[in-house]
C-alpha atoms as a PDB file:
ATOM      1  CA  MET A   1     -29.576 -39.048 -11.845  1.00  0.00           C
ATOM      2  CA  ALA A   2     -27.128 -40.035  -8.702  1.00  0.00           C
ATOM      3  CA  TYR A   3     -24.496 -38.587  -7.229  1.00  0.00           C
ATOM      4  CA  PRO A   4     -21.728 -40.554  -5.156  1.00  0.00           C
ATOM      5  CA  THR A   5     -21.896 -39.406  -1.517  1.00  0.00           C
ATOM      6  CA  LEU A   6     -18.274 -39.342   0.636  1.00  0.00           C
ATOM      7  CA  ARG A   7     -18.395 -39.940   3.680  1.00  0.00           C
ATOM      8  CA  ARG A   8     -15.676 -39.031   5.880  1.00  0.00           C
ATOM      9  CA  VAL A   9     -14.645 -41.826   8.155  1.00  0.00           C
ATOM     10  CA  PRO A  10     -12.645 -40.833  11.164  1.00  0.00           C
ATOM     11  CA  ALA A  11      -9.152 -42.778  10.689  1.00  0.00           C
ATOM     12  CA  PRO A  12      -8.122 -45.084  13.896  1.00  0.00           C
ATOM     13  CA  SER A  13      -5.917 -43.225  15.941  1.00  0.00           C
ATOM     14  CA  VAL A  14      -2.947 -44.387  18.243  1.00  0.00           C
ATOM     15  CA  TRP A  15      -4.196 -41.688  20.940  1.00  0.00           C
ATOM     16  CA  ASN A  16      -7.643 -43.288  21.472  1.00  0.00           C
ATOM     17  CA  ASP A  17      -6.025 -46.618  21.887  1.00  0.00           C
ATOM     18  CA  LEU A  18      -3.864 -45.341  24.127  1.00  0.00           C
ATOM     19  CA  PHE A  19      -6.483 -43.222  26.284  1.00  0.00           C
ATOM     20  CA  ASN A  20      -8.649 -46.143  26.057  1.00  0.00           C
ATOM     21  CA  GLY A  21      -6.290 -48.257  28.128  1.00  0.00           C
ATOM     22  CA  ARG A  22      -5.232 -44.984  30.176  1.00  0.00           C
ATOM     23  CA  ARG A  23      -8.707 -44.749  31.660  1.00  0.00           C
ATOM     24  CA  GLU A  24      -9.264 -48.933  31.806  1.00  0.00           C
ATOM     25  CA  ILE A  25      -6.130 -48.996  34.406  1.00  0.00           C
ATOM     26  CA  ASP A  26      -6.941 -46.160  35.925  1.00  0.00           C
ATOM     27  CA  GLN A  27     -10.297 -48.260  36.603  1.00  0.00           C
ATOM     28  CA  VAL A  28      -8.870 -50.838  37.770  1.00  0.00           C
ATOM     29  CA  PHE A  29      -6.756 -49.069  40.532  1.00  0.00           C
ATOM     30  CA  ASP A  30     -10.085 -47.578  41.378  1.00  0.00           C
ATOM     31  CA  ARG A  31     -11.681 -50.481  41.961  1.00  0.00           C
ATOM     32  CA  PHE A  32      -9.139 -52.292  43.947  1.00  0.00           C
ATOM     33  CA  LEU A  33      -7.226 -48.998  45.897  1.00  0.00           C
ATOM     34  CA  GLY A  34      -9.983 -46.978  46.294  1.00  0.00           C
ATOM     35  CA  GLN A  35      -9.775 -43.393  45.135  1.00  0.00           C
ATOM     36  CA  ALA A  36      -6.741 -42.686  46.713  1.00  0.00           C
ATOM     37  CA  ALA A  37      -5.001 -44.296  44.321  1.00  0.00           C
ATOM     38  CA  SER A  38      -5.922 -42.149  41.897  1.00  0.00           C
ATOM     39  CA  MET A  39      -5.172 -39.006  43.467  1.00  0.00           C
ATOM     40  CA  ALA A  40      -2.139 -39.877  44.736  1.00  0.00           C
ATOM     41  CA  GLY A  41      -0.362 -38.888  41.109  1.00  0.00           C
ATOM     42  CA  PRO A  42       0.204 -35.251  40.378  1.00  0.00           C
ATOM     43  CA  TRP A  43      -2.575 -32.666  39.664  1.00  0.00           C
ATOM     44  CA  VAL A  44      -2.875 -31.971  35.544  1.00  0.00           C
ATOM     45  CA  PRO A  45      -5.519 -29.586  34.536  1.00  0.00           C
ATOM     46  CA  ALA A  46      -7.832 -30.898  31.792  1.00  0.00           C
ATOM     47  CA  VAL A  47      -7.903 -29.440  28.438  1.00  0.00           C
ATOM     48  CA  ASP A  48      -9.259 -29.056  25.438  1.00  0.00           C
ATOM     49  CA  VAL A  49      -7.557 -28.412  22.204  1.00  0.00           C
ATOM     50  CA  ARG A  50     -10.137 -27.991  19.071  1.00  0.00           C
ATOM     51  CA  GLU A  51      -9.107 -26.290  15.630  1.00  0.00           C
ATOM     52  CA  THR A  52     -11.666 -23.526  13.088  1.00  0.00           C
ATOM     53  CA  LYS A  53     -10.826 -22.849   9.810  1.00  0.00           C
ATOM     54  CA  ASP A  54      -8.685 -19.788  11.303  1.00  0.00           C
ATOM     55  CA  ALA A  55      -7.328 -20.820  14.619  1.00  0.00           C
ATOM     56  CA  ILE A  56      -6.158 -23.612  16.879  1.00  0.00           C
ATOM     57  CA  GLU A  57      -7.855 -23.204  20.607  1.00  0.00           C
ATOM     58  CA  VAL A  58      -6.062 -24.703  23.691  1.00  0.00           C
ATOM     59  CA  VAL A  59      -8.616 -24.428  26.471  1.00  0.00           C
ATOM     60  CA  ALA A  60      -7.298 -25.607  29.894  1.00  0.00           C
ATOM     61  CA  GLU A  61      -9.716 -25.741  33.343  1.00  0.00           C
ATOM     62  CA  LEU A  62      -7.746 -24.283  36.192  1.00  0.00           C
ATOM     63  CA  PRO A  63     -10.126 -24.261  38.704  1.00  0.00           C
ATOM     64  CA  GLY A  64      -9.573 -21.618  41.743  1.00  0.00           C
ATOM     65  CA  MET A  65      -6.603 -20.375  39.998  1.00  0.00           C
ATOM     66  CA  ARG A  66      -5.644 -16.499  39.182  1.00  0.00           C
ATOM     67  CA  PRO A  67      -4.577 -15.487  36.109  1.00  0.00           C
ATOM     68  CA  ASP A  68      -1.085 -14.029  37.524  1.00  0.00           C
ATOM     69  CA  GLU A  69      -0.724 -17.980  38.788  1.00  0.00           C
ATOM     70  CA  VAL A  70      -0.306 -19.010  35.174  1.00  0.00           C
ATOM     71  CA  GLU A  71       2.411 -18.501  32.577  1.00  0.00           C
ATOM     72  CA  VAL A  72       1.752 -18.992  28.945  1.00  0.00           C
ATOM     73  CA  SER A  73       5.234 -18.935  26.958  1.00  0.00           C
ATOM     74  CA  ILE A  74       6.679 -20.343  23.630  1.00  0.00           C
ATOM     75  CA  GLU A  75       9.933 -21.583  22.917  1.00  0.00           C
ATOM     76  CA  ASN A  76      10.799 -23.772  19.562  1.00  0.00           C
ATOM     77  CA  ASN A  77       7.371 -24.061  18.407  1.00  0.00           C
ATOM     78  CA  VAL A  78       6.338 -25.082  21.650  1.00  0.00           C
ATOM     79  CA  LEU A  79       3.280 -24.006  23.935  1.00  0.00           C
ATOM     80  CA  SER A  80       3.785 -24.324  27.406  1.00  0.00           C
ATOM     81  CA  ILE A  81       1.262 -23.435  29.983  1.00  0.00           C
ATOM     82  CA  SER A  82       2.520 -23.804  33.447  1.00  0.00           C
ATOM     83  CA  GLY A  83       1.442 -22.754  37.081  1.00  0.00           C
ATOM     84  CA  GLU A  84       1.121 -23.878  40.666  1.00  0.00           C
ATOM     85  CA  LYS A  85      -2.409 -24.466  42.180  1.00  0.00           C
ATOM     86  CA  LYS A  86      -1.600 -23.583  46.236  1.00  0.00           C
ATOM     87  CA  GLN A  87      -4.102 -24.016  49.304  1.00  0.00           C
ATOM     88  CA  GLU A  88      -2.885 -23.172  53.012  1.00  0.00           C
ATOM     89  CA  ILE A  89      -4.156 -26.425  54.533  1.00  0.00           C
ATOM     90  CA  THR A  90      -3.743 -25.913  58.217  1.00  0.00           C
ATOM     91  CA  GLU A  91      -4.431 -28.760  60.419  1.00  0.00           C
ATOM     92  CA  GLY A  92      -4.885 -28.889  63.929  1.00  0.00           C
ATOM     93  CA  ASN A  93      -5.242 -24.614  64.413  1.00  0.00           C
ATOM     94  CA  GLY A  94      -8.491 -25.534  66.519  1.00  0.00           C
ATOM     95  CA  GLU A  95     -10.877 -23.761  64.231  1.00  0.00           C
ATOM     96  CA  ALA A  96     -11.169 -26.642  61.879  1.00  0.00           C
ATOM     97  CA  ASP A  97      -9.803 -30.133  60.815  1.00  0.00           C
ATOM     98  CA  TYR A  98      -9.621 -31.753  57.619  1.00  0.00           C
ATOM     99  CA  HIS A  99     -11.398 -35.115  57.913  1.00  0.00           C
ATOM    100  CA  LEU A 100     -10.720 -35.337  53.753  1.00  0.00           C
ATOM    101  CA  VAL A 101      -9.197 -33.720  51.443  1.00  0.00           C
ATOM    102  CA  GLU A 102      -9.415 -34.367  47.668  1.00  0.00           C
ATOM    103  CA  ARG A 103      -8.816 -31.240  45.790  1.00  0.00           C
ATOM    104  CA  ARG A 104      -5.097 -31.790  43.746  1.00  0.00           C
ATOM    105  CA  LEU A 105      -2.839 -29.158  44.098  1.00  0.00           C
ATOM    106  CA  GLY A 106       1.148 -28.543  43.114  1.00  0.00           C
ATOM    107  CA  ARG A 107       2.810 -27.484  40.088  1.00  0.00           C
ATOM    108  CA  PHE A 108       1.584 -28.103  36.501  1.00  0.00           C
ATOM    109  CA  GLU A 109       3.193 -27.904  32.865  1.00  0.00           C
ATOM    110  CA  ARG A 110       1.767 -28.763  30.284  1.00  0.00           C
ATOM    111  CA  SER A 111       3.149 -28.359  26.188  1.00  0.00           C
ATOM    112  CA  PHE A 112       2.009 -28.845  23.099  1.00  0.00           C
ATOM    113  CA  THR A 113       4.279 -29.311  19.455  1.00  0.00           C
ATOM    114  CA  LEU A 114       2.530 -26.063  17.519  1.00  0.00           C
ATOM    115  CA  PRO A 115       2.087 -27.137  13.640  1.00  0.00           C
ATOM    116  CA  ARG A 116       4.016 -24.771  11.068  1.00  0.00           C
ATOM    117  CA  THR A 117       0.508 -23.268  10.293  1.00  0.00           C
ATOM    118  CA  VAL A 118       0.454 -20.813  13.443  1.00  0.00           C
ATOM    119  CA  ASP A 119       1.610 -17.552  13.161  1.00  0.00           C
ATOM    120  CA  ALA A 120       3.228 -17.197  16.563  1.00  0.00           C
ATOM    121  CA  GLY A 121       3.113 -13.313  16.515  1.00  0.00           C
ATOM    122  CA  ARG A 122      -0.551 -13.024  16.908  1.00  0.00           C
ATOM    123  CA  ILE A 123      -0.811 -15.388  19.413  1.00  0.00           C
ATOM    124  CA  ALA A 124      -3.603 -14.544  22.436  1.00  0.00           C
ATOM    125  CA  ALA A 125      -4.087 -15.743  25.638  1.00  0.00           C
ATOM    126  CA  LYS A 126      -7.398 -15.189  27.965  1.00  0.00           C
ATOM    127  CA  PHE A 127      -8.207 -16.154  31.345  1.00  0.00           C
ATOM    128  CA  GLU A 128     -12.017 -16.154  32.732  1.00  0.00           C
ATOM    129  CA  ASN A 129     -13.707 -18.132  35.344  1.00  0.00           C
ATOM    130  CA  GLY A 130     -10.903 -20.600  36.049  1.00  0.00           C
ATOM    131  CA  VAL A 131     -10.731 -21.374  32.280  1.00  0.00           C
ATOM    132  CA  LEU A 132      -7.823 -20.244  30.254  1.00  0.00           C
ATOM    133  CA  THR A 133      -8.009 -19.950  26.554  1.00  0.00           C
ATOM    134  CA  VAL A 134      -5.143 -19.645  24.156  1.00  0.00           C
ATOM    135  CA  THR A 135      -5.953 -18.912  21.146  1.00  0.00           C
ATOM    136  CA  LEU A 136      -3.374 -19.937  17.995  1.00  0.00           C
ATOM    137  CA  PRO A 137      -4.352 -17.748  14.739  1.00  0.00           C
ATOM    138  CA  LYS A 138      -3.370 -19.706  11.822  1.00  0.00           C
ATOM    139  CA  ALA A 139      -0.976 -18.110   9.211  1.00  0.00           C
ATOM    140  CA  GLU A 140      -2.951 -16.700   5.892  1.00  0.00           C
ATOM    141  CA  ALA A 141      -0.893 -19.182   3.552  1.00  0.00           C
ATOM    142  CA  ALA A 142      -2.303 -22.547   5.799  1.00  0.00           C
ATOM    143  CA  LYS A 143      -5.858 -20.965   6.064  1.00  0.00           C
ATOM    144  CA  PRO A 144      -8.030 -23.086   3.122  1.00  0.00           C
ATOM    145  CA  ARG A 145      -9.213 -21.359   0.251  1.00  0.00           C
ATOM    146  CA  ARG A 146     -11.088 -21.936  -2.527  1.00  0.00           C
ATOM    147  CA  VAL A 147      -9.621 -21.820  -5.866  1.00  0.00           C
ATOM    148  CA  GLU A 148     -11.359 -21.020  -9.098  1.00  0.00           C
ATOM    149  CA  ILE A 149     -11.329 -23.396 -12.389  1.00  0.00           C
ATOM    150  CA  GLN A 150     -10.934 -21.772 -15.221  1.00  0.00           C
ATOM    151  CA  ALA A 151     -12.885 -22.997 -18.255  1.00  0.00           C
ATOM    152  CA  LYS A 152     -11.604 -22.840 -21.912  1.00  0.00           C
END
């Protein structure tokens, strides 16, 4: 007997289209104006957001930063990660002169609206090797559970 197979087909997302368009625009600027054009904007750390059955994790790359230079806060159901990446650049001190500076510096802030399924009282953050991981545990009521079928 053959059983039907259900496949999960990812729904088209407006976000994918938006990010693909952004990438294409960045490539055009890089091609015509050189690498300096893409480096001119503010520094925005790369972030991954993933979901497990028990929690949502926000992982941010913050190379060269220390935990005391980063702030994680929650207000009105919005998670904010902010800080400032600093480097003292001394030009012409006789020891060394910069010929090229490509590392981005400056103040940053990333904000994420939390789903109502997050248990805000149990949020935890850890910082290791320049990577910040914020764990947002799901409320027990939001976790998937198996429903038993009663037979008559």
